[in-house]
């Protein structure tokens, strides 16, 4: 039973473990760097627990989370209508748009094992039909807000340390400091997604659903391995 559960959930478990390990080592490395900087500036060091609740650690985590969930939100939304000939990351070229109820197995077209909210119609079906984008966008907005607040706190701490004027949260949102840290993450996410879309037209990885079958023509679109 346990081995079957692990086999059937290996992808989510594997990345969950990698995430937890990376976050833990980031916290350890960040804590060490924070206290080394404090010593260099003749300031007080802090405990590991205090570092985990600090704006320094919060900003470092949130500025990456918000860019990742922005990437997924835009990708989910964009792939409804935008196509790329030859890419398995694209829908087939004649399926742009939200597709018909029959194609999406909604209402009377639902199958025996279809989720209940795919059958009911009305607001519940609308919400369920867009639930992935709604949740991803909500996580993006939440992490973007958290990034702005922790970044604001960290920025003002540095300003006060150097005897300079602090900013309000709204002022910080318009500052170069905020947008520099925000856009450096956004551009890397857009580059990664765009690279995956176009490189998967011509390159292959045998056995991966993110790749077309090795022998598939370059022009084959919307076909996973």
N, C-alpha and C. Protein backbone atom coordinates (compact mmCIF):
# COMPACT_ATOMS: atom_id res chain seq x y z
N UNK A 1 0.84 -1.20 0.00
CA UNK A 1 0.00 0.00 0.00
C UNK A 1 0.87 1.26 0.00
N UNK A 2 1.87 1.28 0.89
CA UNK A 2 2.75 2.45 0.97
C UNK A 2 3.55 2.62 -0.31
N UNK A 3 4.07 1.51 -0.85
CA UNK A 3 4.88 1.60 -2.07
C UNK A 3 4.02 2.06 -3.24
N UNK A 4 2.75 1.64 -3.31
CA UNK A 4 1.88 2.08 -4.39
C UNK A 4 1.57 3.57 -4.25
N UNK A 5 1.36 4.03 -3.01
CA UNK A 5 1.10 5.45 -2.79
C UNK A 5 2.30 6.29 -3.23
N UNK A 6 3.50 5.85 -2.88
CA UNK A 6 4.70 6.58 -3.26
C UNK A 6 4.88 6.59 -4.77
N UNK A 7 4.59 5.45 -5.41
CA UNK A 7 4.74 5.37 -6.87
C UNK A 7 3.73 6.27 -7.57
N UNK A 8 2.50 6.29 -7.06
CA UNK A 8 1.44 7.08 -7.69
C UNK A 8 1.55 8.58 -7.40
N UNK A 9 2.34 8.94 -6.42
CA UNK A 9 2.49 10.35 -6.05
C UNK A 9 3.95 10.79 -6.05
N UNK A 10 4.77 10.06 -6.80
CA UNK A 10 6.21 10.30 -6.77
C UNK A 10 6.61 11.70 -7.22
N UNK A 11 5.91 12.26 -8.21
CA UNK A 11 6.30 13.57 -8.73
C UNK A 11 6.07 14.66 -7.69
N UNK A 12 4.89 14.67 -7.07
CA UNK A 12 4.59 15.69 -6.07
C UNK A 12 5.43 15.49 -4.81
N UNK A 13 5.62 14.25 -4.40
CA UNK A 13 6.45 13.97 -3.21
C UNK A 13 7.90 14.36 -3.47
N UNK A 14 8.40 14.00 -4.64
CA UNK A 14 9.79 14.30 -4.96
C UNK A 14 10.08 15.79 -4.94
N UNK A 15 9.20 16.56 -5.58
CA UNK A 15 9.42 18.00 -5.60
C UNK A 15 9.11 18.64 -4.26
N UNK A 16 8.20 18.03 -3.49
CA UNK A 16 7.95 18.53 -2.15
C UNK A 16 9.18 18.39 -1.26
N UNK A 17 9.86 17.26 -1.37
CA UNK A 17 11.08 17.03 -0.59
C UNK A 17 12.19 17.99 -1.04
N UNK A 18 12.33 18.17 -2.35
CA UNK A 18 13.34 19.10 -2.86
C UNK A 18 13.06 20.52 -2.39
N UNK A 19 11.78 20.91 -2.40
CA UNK A 19 11.40 22.25 -1.94
C UNK A 19 11.76 22.44 -0.47
N UNK A 20 11.39 21.46 0.37
CA UNK A 20 11.66 21.58 1.80
C UNK A 20 13.16 21.64 2.08
N UNK A 21 13.93 20.81 1.37
CA UNK A 21 15.38 20.81 1.57
C UNK A 21 16.00 22.13 1.13
N UNK A 22 15.57 22.63 -0.04
CA UNK A 22 16.13 23.89 -0.54
C UNK A 22 15.77 25.05 0.38
N UNK A 23 14.52 25.06 0.88
CA UNK A 23 14.11 26.14 1.78
C UNK A 23 14.89 26.09 3.09
N UNK A 24 15.12 24.88 3.59
CA UNK A 24 15.88 24.73 4.84
C UNK A 24 17.32 25.22 4.67
N UNK A 25 17.96 24.81 3.59
CA UNK A 25 19.35 25.23 3.36
C UNK A 25 19.43 26.72 3.04
N UNK A 26 18.39 27.27 2.38
CA UNK A 26 18.36 28.72 2.16
C UNK A 26 18.31 29.45 3.49
N UNK A 27 17.48 28.95 4.42
CA UNK A 27 17.36 29.57 5.73
C UNK A 27 18.69 29.52 6.48
N UNK A 28 19.38 28.39 6.42
CA UNK A 28 20.67 28.25 7.12
C UNK A 28 21.70 29.20 6.52
N UNK A 29 21.78 29.21 5.19
CA UNK A 29 22.75 30.07 4.52
C UNK A 29 22.42 31.55 4.74
N UNK A 30 21.13 31.89 4.67
CA UNK A 30 20.72 33.27 4.88
C UNK A 30 20.99 33.73 6.30
N UNK A 31 20.76 32.86 7.25
CA UNK A 31 21.03 33.18 8.66
C UNK A 31 22.51 33.45 8.88
N UNK A 32 23.35 32.62 8.30
CA UNK A 32 24.79 32.81 8.43
C UNK A 32 25.23 34.12 7.78
N UNK A 33 24.71 34.39 6.58
CA UNK A 33 25.07 35.63 5.89
C UNK A 33 24.58 36.86 6.65
N UNK A 34 23.37 36.76 7.21
CA UNK A 34 22.81 37.89 7.96
C UNK A 34 23.68 38.24 9.17
N UNK A 35 24.06 37.23 9.95
CA UNK A 35 24.87 37.48 11.14
C UNK A 35 26.30 37.89 10.79
N UNK A 36 26.84 37.36 9.69
CA UNK A 36 28.16 37.81 9.26
C UNK A 36 28.14 39.30 8.90
N UNK A 37 27.06 39.72 8.24
CA UNK A 37 26.92 41.13 7.89
C UNK A 37 26.75 41.99 9.14
N UNK A 38 25.99 41.45 10.13
CA UNK A 38 25.80 42.19 11.38
C UNK A 38 27.12 42.39 12.11
N UNK A 39 27.93 41.34 12.15
CA UNK A 39 29.25 41.43 12.80
C UNK A 39 30.12 42.45 12.08
N UNK A 40 30.09 42.43 10.73
CA UNK A 40 30.91 43.36 9.96
C UNK A 40 30.52 44.81 10.20
N UNK A 41 29.24 45.03 10.54
CA UNK A 41 28.76 46.39 10.77
C UNK A 41 28.62 46.71 12.27
N UNK A 42 29.21 45.84 13.11
CA UNK A 42 29.21 46.04 14.56
C UNK A 42 27.78 46.15 15.12
N UNK A 43 26.89 45.33 14.56
CA UNK A 43 25.50 45.27 15.03
C UNK A 43 25.27 43.96 15.77
N UNK A 44 24.15 43.84 16.44
CA UNK A 44 23.82 42.63 17.19
C UNK A 44 23.43 41.49 16.25
N UNK A 45 23.89 40.29 16.57
CA UNK A 45 23.46 39.11 15.84
C UNK A 45 22.11 38.65 16.39
N UNK A 46 21.44 37.79 15.65
CA UNK A 46 20.12 37.30 16.08
C UNK A 46 20.10 35.78 16.08
N UNK A 47 19.11 35.21 16.74
CA UNK A 47 18.96 33.76 16.78
C UNK A 47 18.38 33.25 15.46
N UNK A 48 18.49 31.96 15.25
CA UNK A 48 17.95 31.35 14.02
C UNK A 48 16.44 31.51 13.96
N UNK A 49 15.77 31.33 15.10
CA UNK A 49 14.32 31.49 15.15
C UNK A 49 13.91 32.92 14.80
N UNK A 50 14.66 33.89 15.30
CA UNK A 50 14.36 35.29 14.99
C UNK A 50 14.59 35.58 13.51
N UNK A 51 15.60 34.96 12.94
CA UNK A 51 15.86 35.17 11.51
C UNK A 51 14.71 34.64 10.66
N UNK A 52 14.14 33.49 11.05
CA UNK A 52 13.05 32.90 10.27
C UNK A 52 11.82 33.79 10.22
N UNK A 53 11.65 34.67 11.21
CA UNK A 53 10.50 35.58 11.21
C UNK A 53 10.89 36.99 10.78
N UNK A 54 12.11 37.16 10.30
CA UNK A 54 12.59 38.49 9.92
C UNK A 54 12.14 38.86 8.52
N UNK A 55 12.13 40.16 8.26
CA UNK A 55 11.79 40.65 6.92
C UNK A 55 12.85 40.25 5.91
N UNK A 56 14.08 40.07 6.36
CA UNK A 56 15.16 39.66 5.46
C UNK A 56 14.88 38.29 4.85
N UNK A 57 14.53 37.33 5.70
CA UNK A 57 14.21 35.99 5.19
C UNK A 57 12.90 36.00 4.41
N UNK A 58 11.91 36.72 4.92
CA UNK A 58 10.62 36.79 4.25
C UNK A 58 10.73 37.36 2.85
N UNK A 59 11.50 38.42 2.69
CA UNK A 59 11.66 39.01 1.37
C UNK A 59 12.35 38.05 0.41
N UNK A 60 13.40 37.38 0.89
CA UNK A 60 14.14 36.46 0.04
C UNK A 60 13.25 35.33 -0.48
N UNK A 61 12.33 34.86 0.36
CA UNK A 61 11.44 33.77 -0.05
C UNK A 61 10.32 34.30 -0.94
N UNK A 62 9.66 35.37 -0.51
CA UNK A 62 8.48 35.85 -1.20
C UNK A 62 8.76 36.41 -2.58
N UNK A 63 9.93 37.02 -2.77
CA UNK A 63 10.22 37.60 -4.08
C UNK A 63 10.36 36.51 -5.13
N UNK A 64 10.72 35.31 -4.72
CA UNK A 64 10.79 34.19 -5.66
C UNK A 64 9.43 33.52 -5.84
N UNK A 65 8.68 33.35 -4.75
CA UNK A 65 7.37 32.72 -4.86
C UNK A 65 6.45 33.51 -5.78
N UNK A 66 6.43 34.84 -5.62
CA UNK A 66 5.48 35.61 -6.42
C UNK A 66 5.82 35.54 -7.90
N UNK A 67 7.09 35.47 -8.25
CA UNK A 67 7.44 35.38 -9.67
C UNK A 67 7.09 34.01 -10.24
N UNK A 68 7.25 32.95 -9.43
CA UNK A 68 6.90 31.61 -9.89
C UNK A 68 5.40 31.49 -10.16
N UNK A 69 4.59 32.00 -9.24
CA UNK A 69 3.14 31.89 -9.41
C UNK A 69 2.61 32.86 -10.46
N UNK A 70 3.30 33.97 -10.69
CA UNK A 70 2.96 34.82 -11.82
C UNK A 70 3.21 34.06 -13.12
N UNK A 71 4.33 33.38 -13.20
CA UNK A 71 4.66 32.59 -14.39
C UNK A 71 3.56 31.58 -14.69
N UNK A 72 3.15 30.82 -13.66
CA UNK A 72 2.14 29.79 -13.88
C UNK A 72 0.79 30.41 -14.24
N UNK A 73 0.42 31.51 -13.57
CA UNK A 73 -0.86 32.15 -13.85
C UNK A 73 -0.92 32.64 -15.30
N UNK A 74 0.13 33.32 -15.75
CA UNK A 74 0.15 33.82 -17.12
C UNK A 74 0.21 32.67 -18.13
N UNK A 75 0.93 31.62 -17.78
CA UNK A 75 1.04 30.48 -18.69
C UNK A 75 -0.31 29.77 -18.84
N UNK A 76 -0.99 29.56 -17.72
CA UNK A 76 -2.32 28.92 -17.77
C UNK A 76 -3.28 29.76 -18.59
N UNK A 77 -3.28 31.09 -18.34
CA UNK A 77 -4.18 31.98 -19.06
C UNK A 77 -3.79 32.11 -20.53
N UNK A 78 -2.50 32.29 -20.79
CA UNK A 78 -2.04 32.50 -22.16
C UNK A 78 -2.26 31.31 -23.07
N UNK A 79 -2.10 30.10 -22.53
CA UNK A 79 -2.24 28.91 -23.37
C UNK A 79 -3.68 28.59 -23.72
N UNK A 80 -4.65 29.34 -23.19
CA UNK A 80 -6.03 29.18 -23.64
C UNK A 80 -6.15 29.62 -25.09
N UNK A 81 -5.51 30.74 -25.43
CA UNK A 81 -5.67 31.33 -26.76
C UNK A 81 -4.38 31.34 -27.59
N UNK A 82 -3.22 31.43 -26.95
CA UNK A 82 -1.97 31.54 -27.70
C UNK A 82 -1.43 30.16 -28.06
N UNK A 83 -0.95 30.02 -29.27
CA UNK A 83 -0.50 28.73 -29.79
C UNK A 83 0.95 28.82 -30.24
N UNK A 84 1.62 27.68 -30.31
CA UNK A 84 2.97 27.62 -30.84
C UNK A 84 3.09 26.36 -31.69
N UNK A 85 3.18 26.54 -32.99
CA UNK A 85 3.26 25.40 -33.89
C UNK A 85 4.47 24.53 -33.56
N UNK A 86 4.22 23.24 -33.39
CA UNK A 86 5.28 22.28 -33.16
C UNK A 86 5.63 22.04 -31.71
N UNK A 87 5.01 22.79 -30.77
CA UNK A 87 5.38 22.64 -29.35
C UNK A 87 4.36 21.79 -28.60
N UNK A 88 4.83 20.83 -27.78
CA UNK A 88 3.91 20.08 -26.93
C UNK A 88 3.34 20.93 -25.80
N UNK A 89 3.91 22.13 -25.58
CA UNK A 89 3.40 23.04 -24.57
C UNK A 89 2.19 23.81 -25.06
N UNK A 90 1.87 23.70 -26.33
CA UNK A 90 0.74 24.39 -26.94
C UNK A 90 -0.41 23.42 -27.20
N UNK A 91 -1.63 23.95 -27.22
CA UNK A 91 -2.74 23.15 -27.71
C UNK A 91 -2.61 22.95 -29.21
N UNK A 92 -3.40 22.03 -29.76
CA UNK A 92 -3.40 21.85 -31.20
C UNK A 92 -3.89 23.13 -31.87
N UNK A 93 -3.45 23.38 -33.09
CA UNK A 93 -3.63 24.68 -33.73
C UNK A 93 -5.09 25.04 -34.00
N UNK A 94 -5.99 24.06 -33.99
CA UNK A 94 -7.41 24.35 -34.25
C UNK A 94 -8.22 24.39 -32.96
N UNK A 95 -7.56 24.45 -31.80
CA UNK A 95 -8.28 24.40 -30.53
C UNK A 95 -8.06 25.62 -29.66
N UNK A 96 -7.73 26.75 -30.27
CA UNK A 96 -7.56 27.99 -29.49
C UNK A 96 -8.90 28.38 -28.87
N UNK A 97 -8.85 28.92 -27.65
CA UNK A 97 -10.06 29.36 -26.97
C UNK A 97 -10.47 28.41 -25.86
N UNK A 98 -11.66 28.66 -25.30
CA UNK A 98 -12.10 27.92 -24.12
C UNK A 98 -12.67 26.54 -24.45
N UNK A 99 -12.89 26.25 -25.71
CA UNK A 99 -13.38 24.96 -26.20
C UNK A 99 -14.84 24.73 -25.80
N UNK A 100 -15.48 23.81 -26.49
CA UNK A 100 -16.91 23.57 -26.29
C UNK A 100 -17.16 22.75 -25.03
N UNK A 101 -18.43 22.74 -24.59
CA UNK A 101 -18.82 21.95 -23.42
C UNK A 101 -18.55 20.47 -23.66
N UNK A 102 -18.73 20.04 -24.89
CA UNK A 102 -18.47 18.63 -25.21
C UNK A 102 -16.99 18.30 -25.09
N UNK A 103 -16.15 19.19 -25.63
CA UNK A 103 -14.70 18.96 -25.55
C UNK A 103 -14.21 19.00 -24.11
N UNK A 104 -14.84 19.84 -23.29
CA UNK A 104 -14.43 19.99 -21.89
C UNK A 104 -15.20 19.07 -20.94
N UNK A 105 -16.12 18.27 -21.48
CA UNK A 105 -16.88 17.27 -20.70
C UNK A 105 -17.67 17.94 -19.57
N UNK A 106 -18.42 18.98 -19.93
CA UNK A 106 -19.22 19.72 -18.97
C UNK A 106 -20.70 19.37 -19.12
N UNK A 107 -21.44 19.50 -18.01
CA UNK A 107 -22.89 19.30 -18.03
C UNK A 107 -23.27 17.93 -18.52
N UNK A 108 -24.10 17.90 -19.53
CA UNK A 108 -24.60 16.62 -20.06
C UNK A 108 -23.50 15.81 -20.73
N UNK A 109 -22.37 16.43 -21.00
CA UNK A 109 -21.25 15.72 -21.64
C UNK A 109 -20.28 15.14 -20.61
N UNK A 110 -20.55 15.36 -19.33
CA UNK A 110 -19.67 14.84 -18.28
C UNK A 110 -19.68 13.31 -18.29
N UNK A 111 -18.58 12.72 -17.88
CA UNK A 111 -18.47 11.26 -17.81
C UNK A 111 -18.82 10.77 -16.41
N UNK A 112 -18.90 9.49 -16.25
CA UNK A 112 -19.28 8.91 -14.96
C UNK A 112 -18.33 9.35 -13.84
N UNK A 113 -17.06 9.41 -14.11
CA UNK A 113 -16.09 9.79 -13.09
C UNK A 113 -15.76 11.28 -13.04
N UNK A 114 -16.50 12.10 -13.78
CA UNK A 114 -16.23 13.54 -13.80
C UNK A 114 -16.52 14.17 -12.44
N UNK A 115 -15.78 15.21 -12.05
CA UNK A 115 -16.07 15.91 -10.79
C UNK A 115 -17.51 16.44 -10.78
N UNK A 116 -18.14 16.45 -9.60
CA UNK A 116 -19.55 16.83 -9.49
C UNK A 116 -19.79 18.25 -9.99
N UNK A 117 -18.86 19.15 -9.70
CA UNK A 117 -19.07 20.54 -10.09
C UNK A 117 -18.93 20.75 -11.60
N UNK A 118 -18.44 19.75 -12.34
CA UNK A 118 -18.42 19.83 -13.79
C UNK A 118 -19.80 19.56 -14.38
N UNK A 119 -20.69 18.98 -13.56
CA UNK A 119 -22.02 18.61 -14.01
C UNK A 119 -23.10 19.63 -13.69
N UNK A 120 -22.91 20.38 -12.58
CA UNK A 120 -24.02 21.13 -11.99
C UNK A 120 -24.43 22.36 -12.78
N UNK A 121 -23.51 23.00 -13.48
CA UNK A 121 -23.82 24.23 -14.20
C UNK A 121 -23.80 25.44 -13.29
N UNK A 122 -24.02 26.62 -13.87
CA UNK A 122 -24.09 27.85 -13.09
C UNK A 122 -22.77 28.28 -12.52
N UNK A 123 -22.85 28.98 -11.36
CA UNK A 123 -21.66 29.57 -10.74
C UNK A 123 -20.65 28.51 -10.33
N UNK A 124 -21.14 27.38 -9.81
CA UNK A 124 -20.21 26.36 -9.34
C UNK A 124 -19.37 25.79 -10.49
N UNK A 125 -19.99 25.55 -11.62
CA UNK A 125 -19.23 25.04 -12.76
C UNK A 125 -18.29 26.11 -13.30
N UNK A 126 -18.73 27.38 -13.29
CA UNK A 126 -17.85 28.47 -13.73
C UNK A 126 -16.62 28.54 -12.84
N UNK A 127 -16.82 28.49 -11.51
CA UNK A 127 -15.69 28.56 -10.59
C UNK A 127 -14.77 27.37 -10.76
N UNK A 128 -15.35 26.17 -10.89
CA UNK A 128 -14.51 24.99 -11.04
C UNK A 128 -13.78 25.01 -12.38
N UNK A 129 -14.43 25.56 -13.42
CA UNK A 129 -13.82 25.64 -14.74
C UNK A 129 -12.60 26.55 -14.77
N UNK A 130 -12.53 27.47 -13.81
CA UNK A 130 -11.42 28.42 -13.75
C UNK A 130 -10.65 28.32 -12.44
N UNK A 131 -10.84 27.23 -11.70
CA UNK A 131 -10.29 27.11 -10.35
C UNK A 131 -8.77 27.11 -10.32
N UNK A 132 -8.13 26.51 -11.32
CA UNK A 132 -6.65 26.47 -11.32
C UNK A 132 -6.08 27.87 -11.47
N UNK A 133 -6.62 28.64 -12.42
CA UNK A 133 -6.14 30.01 -12.62
C UNK A 133 -6.48 30.89 -11.42
N UNK A 134 -7.66 30.72 -10.85
CA UNK A 134 -8.06 31.52 -9.70
C UNK A 134 -7.12 31.30 -8.53
N UNK A 135 -6.82 30.05 -8.22
CA UNK A 135 -5.95 29.76 -7.08
C UNK A 135 -4.52 30.22 -7.33
N UNK A 136 -3.99 29.94 -8.52
CA UNK A 136 -2.63 30.36 -8.83
C UNK A 136 -2.50 31.88 -8.75
N UNK A 137 -3.50 32.60 -9.27
CA UNK A 137 -3.48 34.06 -9.24
C UNK A 137 -3.58 34.58 -7.81
N UNK A 138 -4.40 33.91 -6.98
CA UNK A 138 -4.54 34.33 -5.58
C UNK A 138 -3.22 34.14 -4.83
N UNK A 139 -2.54 33.04 -5.08
CA UNK A 139 -1.24 32.81 -4.43
C UNK A 139 -0.23 33.84 -4.91
N UNK A 140 -0.25 34.16 -6.20
CA UNK A 140 0.65 35.20 -6.72
C UNK A 140 0.40 36.53 -6.03
N UNK A 141 -0.86 36.94 -5.95
CA UNK A 141 -1.18 38.24 -5.34
C UNK A 141 -0.80 38.26 -3.87
N UNK A 142 -1.05 37.15 -3.16
CA UNK A 142 -0.70 37.08 -1.75
C UNK A 142 0.80 37.15 -1.53
N UNK A 143 1.56 36.41 -2.34
CA UNK A 143 3.01 36.41 -2.18
C UNK A 143 3.62 37.72 -2.68
N UNK A 144 3.00 38.34 -3.68
CA UNK A 144 3.46 39.66 -4.14
C UNK A 144 3.26 40.70 -3.03
N UNK A 145 2.12 40.64 -2.35
CA UNK A 145 1.87 41.56 -1.25
C UNK A 145 2.86 41.32 -0.11
N UNK A 146 3.09 40.05 0.22
CA UNK A 146 4.04 39.71 1.29
C UNK A 146 5.44 40.18 0.92
N UNK A 147 5.81 40.02 -0.35
CA UNK A 147 7.12 40.49 -0.81
C UNK A 147 7.23 42.00 -0.65
N UNK A 148 6.15 42.72 -0.99
CA UNK A 148 6.21 44.18 -0.90
C UNK A 148 6.34 44.64 0.55
N UNK A 149 5.64 43.96 1.47
CA UNK A 149 5.69 44.36 2.88
C UNK A 149 7.04 44.04 3.50
N UNK A 150 7.54 42.83 3.25
CA UNK A 150 8.85 42.46 3.82
C UNK A 150 9.97 43.27 3.19
N UNK A 151 9.87 43.53 1.89
CA UNK A 151 10.87 44.36 1.24
C UNK A 151 10.84 45.79 1.76
N UNK A 152 9.64 46.30 1.99
CA UNK A 152 9.47 47.64 2.57
C UNK A 152 10.12 47.73 3.94
N UNK A 153 9.89 46.73 4.78
CA UNK A 153 10.47 46.71 6.12
C UNK A 153 11.99 46.63 6.05
N UNK A 154 12.50 45.79 5.18
CA UNK A 154 13.95 45.64 5.04
C UNK A 154 14.58 46.91 4.49
N UNK A 155 13.92 47.54 3.54
CA UNK A 155 14.43 48.78 2.95
C UNK A 155 14.51 49.89 3.99
N UNK A 156 13.44 50.05 4.78
CA UNK A 156 13.42 51.11 5.79
C UNK A 156 14.43 50.87 6.90
N UNK A 157 14.67 49.59 7.21
CA UNK A 157 15.70 49.28 8.21
C UNK A 157 17.06 49.76 7.72
N UNK A 158 17.34 49.55 6.44
CA UNK A 158 18.60 50.02 5.88
C UNK A 158 18.68 51.54 5.83
N UNK A 159 17.54 52.18 5.52
CA UNK A 159 17.52 53.64 5.49
C UNK A 159 17.81 54.24 6.87
N UNK A 160 17.16 53.68 7.90
CA UNK A 160 17.37 54.18 9.26
C UNK A 160 18.80 53.94 9.73
N UNK A 161 19.35 52.80 9.33
CA UNK A 161 20.73 52.48 9.72
C UNK A 161 21.72 53.50 9.17
N UNK A 162 21.38 54.04 7.99
CA UNK A 162 22.27 55.02 7.36
C UNK A 162 21.80 56.46 7.57
N UNK A 163 20.85 56.64 8.49
CA UNK A 163 20.39 57.97 8.83
C UNK A 163 19.61 58.66 7.74
N UNK A 164 18.93 57.86 6.88
CA UNK A 164 18.16 58.43 5.78
C UNK A 164 16.66 58.28 6.03
N UNK A 165 15.86 58.97 5.21
CA UNK A 165 14.42 59.01 5.40
C UNK A 165 13.77 57.67 5.01
N UNK A 166 12.86 57.21 5.84
CA UNK A 166 12.12 55.99 5.53
C UNK A 166 10.96 56.33 4.58
N UNK A 167 10.40 55.31 3.94
CA UNK A 167 9.31 55.49 2.99
C UNK A 167 8.04 54.85 3.50
N UNK A 168 6.90 55.36 3.07
CA UNK A 168 5.64 54.67 3.31
C UNK A 168 5.55 53.46 2.39
N UNK A 169 4.62 52.57 2.66
CA UNK A 169 4.48 51.38 1.82
C UNK A 169 4.17 51.76 0.38
N UNK A 170 3.27 52.73 0.19
CA UNK A 170 2.91 53.17 -1.16
C UNK A 170 4.12 53.77 -1.87
N UNK A 171 4.91 54.56 -1.16
CA UNK A 171 6.12 55.12 -1.75
C UNK A 171 7.10 54.02 -2.13
N UNK A 172 7.20 53.00 -1.28
CA UNK A 172 8.11 51.90 -1.59
C UNK A 172 7.68 51.16 -2.85
N UNK A 173 6.35 51.04 -3.06
CA UNK A 173 5.87 50.36 -4.27
C UNK A 173 6.31 51.07 -5.54
N UNK A 174 6.56 52.36 -5.45
CA UNK A 174 7.01 53.11 -6.61
C UNK A 174 8.52 53.27 -6.68
N UNK A 175 9.24 52.63 -5.78
CA UNK A 175 10.69 52.81 -5.72
C UNK A 175 11.43 51.88 -6.67
N UNK A 176 12.62 52.30 -7.04
CA UNK A 176 13.47 51.47 -7.90
C UNK A 176 13.89 50.19 -7.19
N UNK A 177 14.08 50.25 -5.87
CA UNK A 177 14.50 49.07 -5.10
C UNK A 177 13.47 47.94 -5.24
N UNK A 178 12.19 48.29 -5.10
CA UNK A 178 11.14 47.27 -5.19
C UNK A 178 11.06 46.67 -6.59
N UNK A 179 11.06 47.53 -7.61
CA UNK A 179 10.89 47.02 -8.96
C UNK A 179 12.14 46.35 -9.49
N UNK A 180 13.30 46.71 -8.98
CA UNK A 180 14.50 46.00 -9.40
C UNK A 180 14.48 44.56 -8.93
N UNK A 181 14.10 44.33 -7.67
CA UNK A 181 14.04 42.95 -7.15
C UNK A 181 12.87 42.18 -7.76
N UNK A 182 11.78 42.88 -8.10
CA UNK A 182 10.63 42.23 -8.70
C UNK A 182 10.90 41.80 -10.13
N UNK A 183 11.37 42.73 -10.94
CA UNK A 183 11.54 42.47 -12.37
C UNK A 183 12.71 41.53 -12.66
N UNK A 184 13.71 41.48 -11.78
CA UNK A 184 14.81 40.55 -12.03
C UNK A 184 14.32 39.10 -11.92
N UNK A 185 13.27 38.89 -11.14
CA UNK A 185 12.68 37.55 -11.06
C UNK A 185 11.69 37.30 -12.19
N UNK A 186 10.89 38.29 -12.51
CA UNK A 186 9.91 38.12 -13.58
C UNK A 186 10.58 37.80 -14.91
N UNK A 187 11.62 38.54 -15.26
CA UNK A 187 12.23 38.33 -16.58
C UNK A 187 12.83 36.94 -16.70
N UNK A 188 13.36 36.40 -15.60
CA UNK A 188 13.94 35.06 -15.67
C UNK A 188 12.86 34.00 -15.86
N UNK A 189 11.68 34.22 -15.25
CA UNK A 189 10.58 33.27 -15.41
C UNK A 189 10.05 33.30 -16.84
N UNK A 190 9.90 34.50 -17.40
CA UNK A 190 9.41 34.62 -18.78
C UNK A 190 10.40 33.98 -19.76
N UNK A 191 11.69 34.17 -19.50
CA UNK A 191 12.71 33.56 -20.35
C UNK A 191 12.64 32.04 -20.28
N UNK A 192 12.46 31.49 -19.06
CA UNK A 192 12.43 30.04 -18.89
C UNK A 192 11.23 29.43 -19.63
N UNK A 193 10.05 30.05 -19.49
CA UNK A 193 8.85 29.52 -20.15
C UNK A 193 8.99 29.63 -21.67
N UNK A 194 9.42 30.80 -22.14
CA UNK A 194 9.59 30.98 -23.58
C UNK A 194 10.59 30.01 -24.17
N UNK A 195 11.68 29.76 -23.45
CA UNK A 195 12.69 28.81 -23.92
C UNK A 195 12.12 27.41 -24.01
N UNK A 196 11.33 27.00 -22.99
CA UNK A 196 10.74 25.67 -22.99
C UNK A 196 9.79 25.50 -24.17
N UNK A 197 8.99 26.54 -24.43
CA UNK A 197 8.02 26.46 -25.52
C UNK A 197 8.71 26.28 -26.86
N UNK A 198 9.73 27.08 -27.15
CA UNK A 198 10.34 27.04 -28.47
C UNK A 198 11.35 25.90 -28.62
N UNK A 199 12.10 25.58 -27.56
CA UNK A 199 13.09 24.51 -27.67
C UNK A 199 12.43 23.14 -27.80
N UNK A 200 11.22 22.99 -27.21
CA UNK A 200 10.53 21.71 -27.30
C UNK A 200 9.98 21.44 -28.70
N UNK A 201 10.01 22.45 -29.58
CA UNK A 201 9.63 22.23 -30.98
C UNK A 201 10.67 21.33 -31.65
N UNK A 202 11.95 21.57 -31.35
CA UNK A 202 13.04 20.91 -32.07
C UNK A 202 13.81 19.87 -31.27
N UNK A 203 13.79 19.99 -29.94
CA UNK A 203 14.56 19.08 -29.11
C UNK A 203 13.64 18.08 -28.42
N UNK A 204 14.19 16.94 -28.00
CA UNK A 204 13.38 15.87 -27.43
C UNK A 204 13.99 15.35 -26.13
N UNK A 205 13.15 14.78 -25.28
CA UNK A 205 13.61 14.02 -24.13
C UNK A 205 12.77 12.76 -24.04
N UNK A 206 13.37 11.65 -24.38
CA UNK A 206 12.64 10.39 -24.40
C UNK A 206 12.04 10.09 -23.04
N UNK A 207 10.75 9.77 -23.03
CA UNK A 207 10.07 9.38 -21.80
C UNK A 207 9.42 10.51 -21.04
N UNK A 208 9.65 11.77 -21.43
CA UNK A 208 9.08 12.90 -20.69
C UNK A 208 7.80 13.38 -21.36
N UNK A 209 6.73 13.61 -20.58
CA UNK A 209 5.50 14.16 -21.16
C UNK A 209 5.67 15.62 -21.58
N UNK A 210 6.76 16.26 -21.17
CA UNK A 210 7.03 17.63 -21.58
C UNK A 210 7.69 17.69 -22.96
N UNK A 211 7.99 16.54 -23.52
CA UNK A 211 8.59 16.45 -24.84
C UNK A 211 7.67 15.67 -25.77
N UNK A 212 7.76 15.95 -27.06
CA UNK A 212 7.09 15.12 -28.04
C UNK A 212 7.82 13.78 -28.13
N UNK A 213 7.18 12.74 -28.66
CA UNK A 213 7.91 11.50 -28.93
C UNK A 213 9.14 11.80 -29.79
N UNK A 214 10.19 11.05 -29.59
CA UNK A 214 11.47 11.35 -30.25
C UNK A 214 11.32 11.41 -31.76
N UNK A 215 10.48 10.56 -32.31
CA UNK A 215 10.33 10.51 -33.76
C UNK A 215 9.25 11.41 -34.32
N UNK A 216 8.60 12.22 -33.48
CA UNK A 216 7.52 13.09 -33.96
C UNK A 216 8.09 14.21 -34.82
N UNK A 217 7.39 14.59 -35.90
CA UNK A 217 7.87 15.70 -36.74
C UNK A 217 7.95 17.00 -35.95
N UNK A 218 8.83 17.90 -36.39
CA UNK A 218 8.96 19.19 -35.71
C UNK A 218 7.66 19.97 -35.69
N UNK A 219 6.84 19.80 -36.73
CA UNK A 219 5.59 20.56 -36.82
C UNK A 219 4.45 20.00 -36.02
N UNK A 220 4.62 18.82 -35.39
CA UNK A 220 3.54 18.22 -34.59
C UNK A 220 3.28 19.10 -33.37
N UNK A 221 2.03 19.48 -33.17
CA UNK A 221 1.67 20.45 -32.12
C UNK A 221 0.74 19.81 -31.10
N UNK A 222 0.99 20.11 -29.81
CA UNK A 222 0.10 19.63 -28.76
C UNK A 222 0.19 18.15 -28.51
N UNK A 223 1.31 17.54 -28.85
CA UNK A 223 1.49 16.10 -28.66
C UNK A 223 2.57 15.88 -27.63
N UNK A 224 2.20 15.26 -26.50
CA UNK A 224 3.16 14.96 -25.45
C UNK A 224 3.74 13.58 -25.61
N UNK A 225 4.89 13.35 -24.96
CA UNK A 225 5.55 12.05 -25.04
C UNK A 225 4.92 11.03 -24.15
